[in-house]
Amino acid sequence: MLNRLQSTDMELLRYFPPAGVTAWLDTVATDLKGRAVEETITWTPAPGVSVRALYPADDLPASSALLEYPALPGWAACARIGNTADAEFQTRLDVALAGGAEALVMETNDSLWPASPLPVYLFAAQPLAGPGIPATASGAYLWRPETRIDSLNTVVDAFWPAATTLRATAPEIRSLGVDLTPFVTASQPAQLALALALTRRHIDRGLAAGWPLPEILARLQVVIPLGRLFFPELARLRALPWLIGQMALAFDPGLFALPRLAILAETERPSGDDPHVHALRTTPMALAAILGGCSALLVHPGAAG
């Protein structure tokens, strides 16, 4: 049966000969009857974001080096269990473990690494201390201040004391955070620019400390708050590893392989809407994150109705 279907598919191809870009645009121009082709096939869903209906291979910029990007092995389903000081913390932890969570997202007000059988994405209000962290601990350390951030350098500087310690004591913890959550109100192009700026500062600090460039890239942990526009979110997730790879080539033109970029994608939290409405909003967000290649996904469920 499968062979018959494949044979039928191949026969159908003769009715659809390949068309080049010029032929495609000529057909569109004829259908538009004088209207501007480029304006018509270009969609602007957000300020600074333009999505075209056609992206031919010729539009790709010339690359001076071939950089191998890793295959996408899949994503981990994360459960958010709140602050380690909450009275219900252990209960939520038990529920998450019983429910099949593959990683945990939590906050802490102290400088200790919580005991967990799963990888932990730990958002700390103060710098993490190295002593006492199990060597087998895995996940990511992310400093998220309670006050407004003055500068990107302030963010990067807060990571490096802990990063230096964790490199020796718990090498499986990604310790160089690129957290876009504080910039959630910025446009998508601005968020991409901020991600590159933070990554650049981490690279500068790492190279100055004698770290190899591939190790710096492998220790990055990107956190992306997802918006409601499906295709732009998917495109942003696909674009970010490529952009960081091209920036890495500026530091090492001989770099031939890029470590997989760790991206934690997070849907919006419920805002008092009907839980079914919230589910409808977060489903395309989650799908965009998965198709975009996130390594971990946190979906905030709606409140029970």
C-alpha atoms as a PDB file:
ATOM      1  CA  MET A   1       0.000   0.000   0.000  1.00  0.00           C
ATOM      2  CA  LEU A   2       2.828   2.378   0.915  1.00  0.00           C
ATOM      3  CA  ASN A   3       4.632   1.709  -2.371  1.00  0.00           C
ATOM      4  CA  ARG A   4       1.420   2.404  -4.284  1.00  0.00           C
ATOM      5  CA  LEU A   5       0.974   5.760  -2.521  1.00  0.00           C
ATOM      6  CA  GLN A   6       4.581   6.706  -3.157  1.00  0.00           C
ATOM      7  CA  SER A   7       4.181   5.800  -6.834  1.00  0.00           C
ATOM      8  CA  THR A   8       1.030   7.906  -7.057  1.00  0.00           C
ATOM      9  CA  ASP A   9       2.792  10.862  -5.443  1.00  0.00           C
ATOM     10  CA  MET A  10       5.619  10.681  -7.972  1.00  0.00           C
ATOM     11  CA  GLU A  11       3.134  10.559 -10.874  1.00  0.00           C
ATOM     12  CA  LEU A  12       1.365  13.649  -9.589  1.00  0.00           C
ATOM     13  CA  LEU A  13       4.621  15.623  -9.601  1.00  0.00           C
ATOM     14  CA  ARG A  14       4.606  15.782 -13.397  1.00  0.00           C
ATOM     15  CA  TYR A  15       1.538  18.028 -13.192  1.00  0.00           C
ATOM     16  CA  PHE A  16       3.419  20.467 -10.978  1.00  0.00           C
ATOM     17  CA  PRO A  17       6.752  21.321 -12.605  1.00  0.00           C
ATOM     18  CA  PRO A  18       9.186  23.293 -10.420  1.00  0.00           C
ATOM     19  CA  ALA A  19       8.791  27.056 -10.740  1.00  0.00           C
ATOM     20  CA  GLY A  20      11.576  29.571 -10.160  1.00  0.00           C
ATOM     21  CA  VAL A  21      11.239  32.767  -8.166  1.00  0.00           C
ATOM     22  CA  THR A  22      10.826  34.897 -11.279  1.00  0.00           C
ATOM     23  CA  ALA A  23       7.958  32.776 -12.601  1.00  0.00           C
ATOM     24  CA  TRP A  24       6.265  32.846  -9.197  1.00  0.00           C
ATOM     25  CA  LEU A  25       6.518  36.644  -8.905  1.00  0.00           C
ATOM     26  CA  ASP A  26       5.297  37.113 -12.493  1.00  0.00           C
ATOM     27  CA  THR A  27       2.206  35.066 -11.710  1.00  0.00           C
ATOM     28  CA  VAL A  28       1.568  37.064  -8.548  1.00  0.00           C
ATOM     29  CA  ALA A  29       2.010  40.351 -10.419  1.00  0.00           C
ATOM     30  CA  THR A  30      -0.541  39.236 -13.018  1.00  0.00           C
ATOM     31  CA  ASP A  31      -3.069  38.349 -10.327  1.00  0.00           C
ATOM     32  CA  LEU A  32      -2.542  41.659  -8.530  1.00  0.00           C
ATOM     33  CA  LYS A  33      -3.368  43.657 -11.682  1.00  0.00           C
ATOM     34  CA  GLY A  34      -0.978  46.527 -11.133  1.00  0.00           C
ATOM     35  CA  ARG A  35      -0.732  46.574  -7.347  1.00  0.00           C
ATOM     36  CA  ALA A  36       2.743  46.563  -5.794  1.00  0.00           C
ATOM     37  CA  VAL A  37       3.923  42.981  -5.407  1.00  0.00           C
ATOM     38  CA  GLU A  38       6.352  43.509  -2.553  1.00  0.00           C
ATOM     39  CA  GLU A  39       3.890  45.438  -0.406  1.00  0.00           C
ATOM     40  CA  THR A  40       1.141  42.906  -1.012  1.00  0.00           C
ATOM     41  CA  ILE A  41       3.131  39.783  -0.109  1.00  0.00           C
ATOM     42  CA  THR A  42       4.704  41.347   2.975  1.00  0.00           C
ATOM     43  CA  TRP A  43       2.977  41.082   6.353  1.00  0.00           C
ATOM     44  CA  THR A  44       3.948  43.357   9.258  1.00  0.00           C
ATOM     45  CA  PRO A  45       2.475  41.751  12.398  1.00  0.00           C
ATOM     46  CA  ALA A  46       4.474  43.916  14.817  1.00  0.00           C
ATOM     47  CA  PRO A  47       6.636  47.054  14.624  1.00  0.00           C
ATOM     48  CA  GLY A  48       9.982  46.202  13.083  1.00  0.00           C
ATOM     49  CA  VAL A  49       8.883  42.685  12.046  1.00  0.00           C
ATOM     50  CA  SER A  50       8.224  41.990   8.374  1.00  0.00           C
ATOM     51  CA  VAL A  51       7.202  38.541   7.135  1.00  0.00           C
ATOM     52  CA  ARG A  52       7.244  37.840   3.424  1.00  0.00           C
ATOM     53  CA  ALA A  53       5.294  35.145   1.627  1.00  0.00           C
ATOM     54  CA  LEU A  54       8.397  33.958  -0.209  1.00  0.00           C
ATOM     55  CA  TYR A  55      11.998  33.546   0.928  1.00  0.00           C
ATOM     56  CA  PRO A  56      14.153  32.152  -1.890  1.00  0.00           C
ATOM     57  CA  ALA A  57      17.572  30.681  -1.180  1.00  0.00           C
ATOM     58  CA  ASP A  58      19.200  33.625  -2.963  1.00  0.00           C
ATOM     59  CA  ASP A  59      18.095  35.877  -0.093  1.00  0.00           C
ATOM     60  CA  LEU A  60      20.393  34.108   2.338  1.00  0.00           C
ATOM     61  CA  PRO A  61      23.536  36.100   3.151  1.00  0.00           C
ATOM     62  CA  ALA A  62      26.824  34.709   1.970  1.00  0.00           C
ATOM     63  CA  SER A  63      28.679  32.879   4.724  1.00  0.00           C
ATOM     64  CA  SER A  64      32.468  32.974   4.963  1.00  0.00           C
ATOM     65  CA  ALA A  65      32.526  29.698   6.887  1.00  0.00           C
ATOM     66  CA  LEU A  66      30.393  26.604   7.193  1.00  0.00           C
ATOM     67  CA  LEU A  67      29.103  26.366  10.736  1.00  0.00           C
ATOM     68  CA  GLU A  68      27.427  23.131  11.718  1.00  0.00           C
ATOM     69  CA  TYR A  69      24.309  23.533  13.829  1.00  0.00           C
ATOM     70  CA  PRO A  70      23.192  20.640  16.034  1.00  0.00           C
ATOM     71  CA  ALA A  71      20.097  18.608  15.351  1.00  0.00           C
ATOM     72  CA  LEU A  72      17.130  19.250  17.627  1.00  0.00           C
ATOM     73  CA  PRO A  73      16.712  16.207  19.910  1.00  0.00           C
ATOM     74  CA  GLY A  74      13.471  17.355  21.487  1.00  0.00           C
ATOM     75  CA  TRP A  75      12.274  19.395  24.429  1.00  0.00           C
ATOM     76  CA  ALA A  76      11.632  18.900  28.137  1.00  0.00           C
ATOM     77  CA  ALA A  77       8.278  19.608  29.760  1.00  0.00           C
ATOM     78  CA  CYS A  78       8.849  21.874  32.765  1.00  0.00           C
ATOM     79  CA  ALA A  79       6.694  22.320  35.848  1.00  0.00           C
ATOM     80  CA  ARG A  80       6.757  25.557  37.820  1.00  0.00           C
ATOM     81  CA  ILE A  81       6.586  24.857  41.548  1.00  0.00           C
ATOM     82  CA  GLY A  82       7.069  28.330  43.011  1.00  0.00           C
ATOM     83  CA  ASN A  83       9.488  29.587  45.621  1.00  0.00           C
ATOM     84  CA  THR A  84      11.493  27.172  47.742  1.00  0.00           C
ATOM     85  CA  ALA A  85      10.289  29.054  50.849  1.00  0.00           C
ATOM     86  CA  ASP A  86       6.582  28.564  50.085  1.00  0.00           C
ATOM     87  CA  ALA A  87       4.606  26.407  52.496  1.00  0.00           C
ATOM     88  CA  GLU A  88       3.194  24.374  49.578  1.00  0.00           C
ATOM     89  CA  PHE A  89       6.551  23.933  47.844  1.00  0.00           C
ATOM     90  CA  GLN A  90       7.043  20.267  48.735  1.00  0.00           C
ATOM     91  CA  THR A  91       3.461  19.425  47.818  1.00  0.00           C
ATOM     92  CA  ARG A  92       3.826  21.023  44.393  1.00  0.00           C
ATOM     93  CA  LEU A  93       7.159  19.258  43.938  1.00  0.00           C
ATOM     94  CA  ASP A  94       5.573  15.873  44.680  1.00  0.00           C
ATOM     95  CA  VAL A  95       2.699  16.588  42.293  1.00  0.00           C
ATOM     96  CA  ALA A  96       5.122  17.615  39.524  1.00  0.00           C
ATOM     97  CA  LEU A  97       7.200  14.463  39.970  1.00  0.00           C
ATOM     98  CA  ALA A  98       4.118  12.244  40.006  1.00  0.00           C
ATOM     99  CA  GLY A  99       2.703  14.045  36.964  1.00  0.00           C
ATOM    100  CA  GLY A 100       5.698  13.272  34.769  1.00  0.00           C
ATOM    101  CA  ALA A 101       7.546  16.595  34.715  1.00  0.00           C
ATOM    102  CA  GLU A 102      10.941  16.375  33.025  1.00  0.00           C
ATOM    103  CA  ALA A 103      12.395  19.528  34.602  1.00  0.00           C
ATOM    104  CA  LEU A 104      11.460  21.975  37.349  1.00  0.00           C
ATOM    105  CA  VAL A 105      11.252  25.769  37.367  1.00  0.00           C
ATOM    106  CA  MET A 106      11.505  27.423  40.763  1.00  0.00           C
ATOM    107  CA  GLU A 107      12.532  30.600  42.546  1.00  0.00           C
ATOM    108  CA  THR A 108      14.660  30.997  45.661  1.00  0.00           C
ATOM    109  CA  ASN A 109      15.492  33.836  48.012  1.00  0.00           C
ATOM    110  CA  ASP A 110      18.690  32.263  49.342  1.00  0.00           C
ATOM    111  CA  SER A 111      21.939  31.128  47.736  1.00  0.00           C
ATOM    112  CA  LEU A 112      21.481  27.354  48.006  1.00  0.00           C
ATOM    113  CA  TRP A 113      20.776  24.857  45.258  1.00  0.00           C
ATOM    114  CA  PRO A 114      17.604  22.868  46.043  1.00  0.00           C
ATOM    115  CA  ALA A 115      17.750  19.088  46.197  1.00  0.00           C
ATOM    116  CA  SER A 116      15.975  17.653  43.148  1.00  0.00           C
ATOM    117  CA  PRO A 117      16.045  14.435  41.112  1.00  0.00           C
ATOM    118  CA  LEU A 118      15.288  16.455  37.972  1.00  0.00           C
ATOM    119  CA  PRO A 119      17.089  19.312  36.203  1.00  0.00           C
ATOM    120  CA  VAL A 120      16.232  22.633  37.843  1.00  0.00           C
ATOM    121  CA  TYR A 121      15.829  26.073  36.293  1.00  0.00           C
ATOM    122  CA  LEU A 122      16.572  28.150  39.378  1.00  0.00           C
ATOM    123  CA  PHE A 123      15.706  31.855  39.392  1.00  0.00           C
ATOM    124  CA  ALA A 124      17.637  33.319  42.308  1.00  0.00           C
ATOM    125  CA  ALA A 125      17.054  36.713  43.888  1.00  0.00           C
ATOM    126  CA  GLN A 126      20.676  36.832  45.046  1.00  0.00           C
ATOM    127  CA  PRO A 127      23.939  35.376  43.707  1.00  0.00           C
ATOM    128  CA  LEU A 128      24.308  31.631  44.058  1.00  0.00           C
ATOM    129  CA  ALA A 129      26.936  30.230  46.431  1.00  0.00           C
ATOM    130  CA  GLY A 130      29.098  27.340  45.294  1.00  0.00           C
ATOM    131  CA  PRO A 131      29.729  25.358  48.487  1.00  0.00           C
ATOM    132  CA  GLY A 132      27.169  22.666  49.130  1.00  0.00           C
ATOM    133  CA  ILE A 133      25.951  22.362  45.529  1.00  0.00           C
ATOM    134  CA  PRO A 134      25.968  18.665  44.518  1.00  0.00           C
ATOM    135  CA  ALA A 135      28.366  17.857  41.729  1.00  0.00           C
ATOM    136  CA  THR A 136      25.564  15.943  39.989  1.00  0.00           C
ATOM    137  CA  ALA A 137      23.161  18.914  39.989  1.00  0.00           C
ATOM    138  CA  SER A 138      21.901  19.895  36.538  1.00  0.00           C
ATOM    139  CA  GLY A 139      19.805  22.609  34.984  1.00  0.00           C
ATOM    140  CA  ALA A 140      20.440  26.331  34.926  1.00  0.00           C
ATOM    141  CA  TYR A 141      21.134  29.152  37.353  1.00  0.00           C
ATOM    142  CA  LEU A 142      19.421  32.435  36.500  1.00  0.00           C
ATOM    143  CA  TRP A 143      19.740  35.602  38.507  1.00  0.00           C
ATOM    144  CA  ARG A 144      16.498  37.580  38.361  1.00  0.00           C
ATOM    145  CA  PRO A 145      16.728  40.756  40.467  1.00  0.00           C
ATOM    146  CA  GLU A 146      13.729  42.099  42.337  1.00  0.00           C
ATOM    147  CA  THR A 147      14.538  45.679  41.347  1.00  0.00           C
ATOM    148  CA  ARG A 148      14.880  47.303  37.945  1.00  0.00           C
ATOM    149  CA  ILE A 149      18.071  46.495  36.062  1.00  0.00           C
ATOM    150  CA  ASP A 150      20.300  49.520  35.466  1.00  0.00           C
ATOM    151  CA  SER A 151      22.399  48.104  32.644  1.00  0.00           C
ATOM    152  CA  LEU A 152      23.164  44.913  30.755  1.00  0.00           C
ATOM    153  CA  ASN A 153      26.632  44.889  32.296  1.00  0.00           C
ATOM    154  CA  THR A 154      24.985  44.691  35.725  1.00  0.00           C
ATOM    155  CA  VAL A 155      23.152  41.552  34.635  1.00  0.00           C
ATOM    156  CA  VAL A 156      26.258  39.869  33.247  1.00  0.00           C
ATOM    157  CA  ASP A 157      28.443  40.826  36.214  1.00  0.00           C
ATOM    158  CA  ALA A 158      25.965  39.141  38.567  1.00  0.00           C
ATOM    159  CA  PHE A 159      26.425  35.768  36.854  1.00  0.00           C
ATOM    160  CA  TRP A 160      30.168  35.426  36.662  1.00  0.00           C
ATOM    161  CA  PRO A 161      31.212  34.815  40.304  1.00  0.00           C
ATOM    162  CA  ALA A 162      28.745  31.917  40.491  1.00  0.00           C
ATOM    163  CA  ALA A 163      29.625  30.768  36.969  1.00  0.00           C
ATOM    164  CA  THR A 164      33.281  30.481  37.880  1.00  0.00           C
ATOM    165  CA  THR A 165      32.451  28.443  40.980  1.00  0.00           C
ATOM    166  CA  LEU A 166      29.881  26.229  39.257  1.00  0.00           C
ATOM    167  CA  ARG A 167      32.296  25.425  36.466  1.00  0.00           C
ATOM    168  CA  ALA A 168      34.433  23.571  38.995  1.00  0.00           C
ATOM    169  CA  THR A 169      31.824  22.255  41.428  1.00  0.00           C
ATOM    170  CA  ALA A 170      28.749  21.446  39.297  1.00  0.00           C
ATOM    171  CA  PRO A 171      29.688  21.445  35.598  1.00  0.00           C
ATOM    172  CA  GLU A 172      26.212  20.338  34.430  1.00  0.00           C
ATOM    173  CA  ILE A 173      24.601  23.597  35.575  1.00  0.00           C
ATOM    174  CA  ARG A 174      24.355  26.206  32.822  1.00  0.00           C
ATOM    175  CA  SER A 175      25.399  29.379  34.566  1.00  0.00           C
ATOM    176  CA  LEU A 176      25.436  32.162  31.951  1.00  0.00           C
ATOM    177  CA  GLY A 177      21.926  33.542  31.779  1.00  0.00           C
ATOM    178  CA  VAL A 178      20.331  35.432  28.885  1.00  0.00           C
ATOM    179  CA  ASP A 179      16.937  36.155  30.434  1.00  0.00           C
ATOM    180  CA  LEU A 180      14.594  38.221  28.261  1.00  0.00           C
ATOM    181  CA  THR A 181      11.708  38.173  30.743  1.00  0.00           C
ATOM    182  CA  PRO A 182      12.549  41.619  32.215  1.00  0.00           C
ATOM    183  CA  PHE A 183      12.303  42.975  28.644  1.00  0.00           C
ATOM    184  CA  VAL A 184       8.971  41.341  27.781  1.00  0.00           C
ATOM    185  CA  THR A 185       7.416  44.672  26.746  1.00  0.00           C
ATOM    186  CA  ALA A 186      10.111  45.288  24.120  1.00  0.00           C
ATOM    187  CA  SER A 187       9.463  44.439  20.475  1.00  0.00           C
ATOM    188  CA  GLN A 188      10.710  41.143  19.098  1.00  0.00           C
ATOM    189  CA  PRO A 189      13.586  42.735  17.144  1.00  0.00           C
ATOM    190  CA  ALA A 190      14.605  44.585  20.320  1.00  0.00           C
ATOM    191  CA  GLN A 191      14.503  41.354  22.324  1.00  0.00           C
ATOM    192  CA  LEU A 192      16.699  39.631  19.758  1.00  0.00           C
ATOM    193  CA  ALA A 193      19.132  42.537  19.938  1.00  0.00           C
ATOM    194  CA  LEU A 194      19.167  42.344  23.743  1.00  0.00           C
ATOM    195  CA  ALA A 195      19.815  38.598  23.610  1.00  0.00           C
ATOM    196  CA  LEU A 196      22.783  39.166  21.300  1.00  0.00           C
ATOM    197  CA  ALA A 197      24.077  41.997  23.487  1.00  0.00           C
ATOM    198  CA  LEU A 198      23.949  39.852  26.631  1.00  0.00           C
ATOM    199  CA  THR A 199      25.560  36.940  24.804  1.00  0.00           C
ATOM    200  CA  ARG A 200      28.324  39.224  23.520  1.00  0.00           C
ATOM    201  CA  ARG A 201      29.094  40.393  27.052  1.00  0.00           C
ATOM    202  CA  HIS A 202      29.226  36.808  28.312  1.00  0.00           C
ATOM    203  CA  ILE A 203      31.607  35.900  25.500  1.00  0.00           C
ATOM    204  CA  ASP A 204      33.836  38.872  26.295  1.00  0.00           C
ATOM    205  CA  ARG A 205      33.969  37.934  29.986  1.00  0.00           C
ATOM    206  CA  GLY A 206      34.563  34.258  29.248  1.00  0.00           C
ATOM    207  CA  LEU A 207      37.365  34.803  26.759  1.00  0.00           C
ATOM    208  CA  ALA A 208      39.043  37.249  29.148  1.00  0.00           C
ATOM    209  CA  ALA A 209      38.882  34.547  31.850  1.00  0.00           C
ATOM    210  CA  GLY A 210      40.431  31.962  29.533  1.00  0.00           C
ATOM    211  CA  TRP A 211      37.308  29.932  28.777  1.00  0.00           C
ATOM    212  CA  PRO A 212      37.105  28.261  25.330  1.00  0.00           C
ATOM    213  CA  LEU A 213      34.439  29.785  23.116  1.00  0.00           C
ATOM    214  CA  PRO A 214      32.471  26.501  22.642  1.00  0.00           C
ATOM    215  CA  GLU A 215      32.264  26.113  26.428  1.00  0.00           C
ATOM    216  CA  ILE A 216      30.920  29.650  26.852  1.00  0.00           C
ATOM    217  CA  LEU A 217      28.220  28.960  24.274  1.00  0.00           C
ATOM    218  CA  ALA A 218      27.364  25.609  25.874  1.00  0.00           C
ATOM    219  CA  ARG A 219      26.862  27.266  29.282  1.00  0.00           C
ATOM    220  CA  LEU A 220      24.391  29.855  27.997  1.00  0.00           C
ATOM    221  CA  GLN A 221      20.795  29.568  29.179  1.00  0.00           C
ATOM    222  CA  VAL A 222      18.294  31.680  27.248  1.00  0.00           C
ATOM    223  CA  VAL A 223      14.835  32.386  28.668  1.00  0.00           C
ATOM    224  CA  ILE A 224      12.233  33.648  26.197  1.00  0.00           C
ATOM    225  CA  PRO A 225       8.758  34.854  27.225  1.00  0.00           C
ATOM    226  CA  LEU A 226       6.466  33.867  24.374  1.00  0.00           C
ATOM    227  CA  GLY A 227       4.106  36.323  22.723  1.00  0.00           C
ATOM    228  CA  ARG A 228       0.784  35.601  21.037  1.00  0.00           C
ATOM    229  CA  LEU A 229       1.908  35.852  17.404  1.00  0.00           C
ATOM    230  CA  PHE A 230       2.562  32.299  16.236  1.00  0.00           C
ATOM    231  CA  PHE A 231       4.754  32.754  13.169  1.00  0.00           C
ATOM    232  CA  PRO A 232       6.925  35.616  14.506  1.00  0.00           C
ATOM    233  CA  GLU A 233       7.572  33.624  17.705  1.00  0.00           C
ATOM    234  CA  LEU A 234       8.514  30.549  15.712  1.00  0.00           C
ATOM    235  CA  ALA A 235      10.778  32.652  13.506  1.00  0.00           C
ATOM    236  CA  ARG A 236      12.451  34.291  16.508  1.00  0.00           C
ATOM    237  CA  LEU A 237      13.262  30.939  18.087  1.00  0.00           C
ATOM    238  CA  ARG A 238      14.680  29.661  14.799  1.00  0.00           C
ATOM    239  CA  ALA A 239      16.655  32.840  14.191  1.00  0.00           C
ATOM    240  CA  LEU A 240      18.345  33.176  17.582  1.00  0.00           C
ATOM    241  CA  PRO A 241      20.735  30.178  17.332  1.00  0.00           C
ATOM    242  CA  TRP A 242      21.702  31.230  13.813  1.00  0.00           C
ATOM    243  CA  LEU A 243      22.378  34.813  14.907  1.00  0.00           C
ATOM    244  CA  ILE A 244      24.470  33.689  17.883  1.00  0.00           C
ATOM    245  CA  GLY A 245      26.350  31.308  15.603  1.00  0.00           C
ATOM    246  CA  GLN A 246      27.180  34.077  13.160  1.00  0.00           C
ATOM    247  CA  MET A 247      28.342  36.276  16.054  1.00  0.00           C
ATOM    248  CA  ALA A 248      30.510  33.428  17.358  1.00  0.00           C
ATOM    249  CA  LEU A 249      32.226  33.248  13.966  1.00  0.00           C
ATOM    250  CA  ALA A 250      33.337  36.845  14.452  1.00  0.00           C
ATOM    251  CA  PHE A 251      35.287  35.696  17.516  1.00  0.00           C
ATOM    252  CA  ASP A 252      36.549  32.457  15.966  1.00  0.00           C
ATOM    253  CA  PRO A 253      36.294  32.233  12.153  1.00  0.00           C
ATOM    254  CA  GLY A 254      37.541  28.649  12.407  1.00  0.00           C
ATOM    255  CA  LEU A 255      34.629  27.521  14.570  1.00  0.00           C
ATOM    256  CA  PHE A 256      33.045  24.585  12.768  1.00  0.00           C
ATOM    257  CA  ALA A 257      30.347  23.403  15.191  1.00  0.00           C
ATOM    258  CA  LEU A 258      27.935  25.203  17.495  1.00  0.00           C
ATOM    259  CA  PRO A 259      26.753  23.652  20.766  1.00  0.00           C
ATOM    260  CA  ARG A 260      22.993  23.368  21.008  1.00  0.00           C
ATOM    261  CA  LEU A 261      21.596  26.599  22.407  1.00  0.00           C
ATOM    262  CA  ALA A 262      19.543  25.955  25.563  1.00  0.00           C
ATOM    263  CA  ILE A 263      16.257  27.884  25.308  1.00  0.00           C
ATOM    264  CA  LEU A 264      13.582  27.835  27.995  1.00  0.00           C
ATOM    265  CA  ALA A 265      10.369  29.098  26.376  1.00  0.00           C
ATOM    266  CA  GLU A 266       7.653  30.293  28.736  1.00  0.00           C
ATOM    267  CA  THR A 267       4.007  31.008  27.905  1.00  0.00           C
ATOM    268  CA  GLU A 268       2.202  33.924  29.509  1.00  0.00           C
ATOM    269  CA  ARG A 269       0.696  33.500  32.946  1.00  0.00           C
ATOM    270  CA  PRO A 270      -3.090  33.555  33.380  1.00  0.00           C
ATOM    271  CA  SER A 271      -4.521  37.029  33.872  1.00  0.00           C
ATOM    272  CA  GLY A 272      -7.976  36.284  35.223  1.00  0.00           C
ATOM    273  CA  ASP A 273      -9.363  35.122  31.879  1.00  0.00           C
ATOM    274  CA  ASP A 274     -11.557  32.080  31.513  1.00  0.00           C
ATOM    275  CA  PRO A 275      -9.251  29.011  31.719  1.00  0.00           C
ATOM    276  CA  HIS A 276     -10.492  27.808  28.322  1.00  0.00           C
ATOM    277  CA  VAL A 277      -9.576  31.158  26.754  1.00  0.00           C
ATOM    278  CA  HIS A 278      -6.155  30.928  28.378  1.00  0.00           C
ATOM    279  CA  ALA A 279      -5.713  27.423  26.956  1.00  0.00           C
ATOM    280  CA  LEU A 280      -6.570  28.670  23.466  1.00  0.00           C
ATOM    281  CA  ARG A 281      -3.990  31.449  23.807  1.00  0.00           C
ATOM    282  CA  THR A 282      -1.174  29.307  25.161  1.00  0.00           C
ATOM    283  CA  THR A 283      -1.582  26.370  22.771  1.00  0.00           C
ATOM    284  CA  PRO A 284      -0.181  28.182  19.691  1.00  0.00           C
ATOM    285  CA  MET A 285       2.541  29.678  21.914  1.00  0.00           C
ATOM    286  CA  ALA A 286       3.605  26.202  22.984  1.00  0.00           C
ATOM    287  CA  LEU A 287       3.447  24.892  19.418  1.00  0.00           C
ATOM    288  CA  ALA A 288       5.597  27.774  18.169  1.00  0.00           C
ATOM    289  CA  ALA A 289       8.149  27.026  20.888  1.00  0.00           C
ATOM    290  CA  ILE A 290       8.285  23.329  19.996  1.00  0.00           C
ATOM    291  CA  LEU A 291       8.549  23.903  16.248  1.00  0.00           C
ATOM    292  CA  GLY A 292      11.024  26.701  16.889  1.00  0.00           C
ATOM    293  CA  GLY A 293      13.390  24.309  18.635  1.00  0.00           C
ATOM    294  CA  CYS A 294      13.174  25.178  22.328  1.00  0.00           C
ATOM    295  CA  SER A 295      14.984  22.804  24.667  1.00  0.00           C
ATOM    296  CA  ALA A 296      12.512  23.281  27.529  1.00  0.00           C
ATOM    297  CA  LEU A 297       8.913  24.453  27.650  1.00  0.00           C
ATOM    298  CA  LEU A 298       6.978  25.920  30.550  1.00  0.00           C
ATOM    299  CA  VAL A 299       3.233  26.279  29.983  1.00  0.00           C
ATOM    300  CA  HIS A 300       1.387  28.197  32.681  1.00  0.00           C
ATOM    301  CA  PRO A 301      -2.034  26.563  33.145  1.00  0.00           C
ATOM    302  CA  GLY A 302      -5.130  28.675  33.601  1.00  0.00           C
ATOM    303  CA  ALA A 303      -6.858  28.833  36.946  1.00  0.00           C
ATOM    304  CA  ALA A 304      -9.635  26.374  37.506  1.00  0.00           C
ATOM    305  CA  GLY A 305     -13.019  27.760  36.518  1.00  0.00           C
END
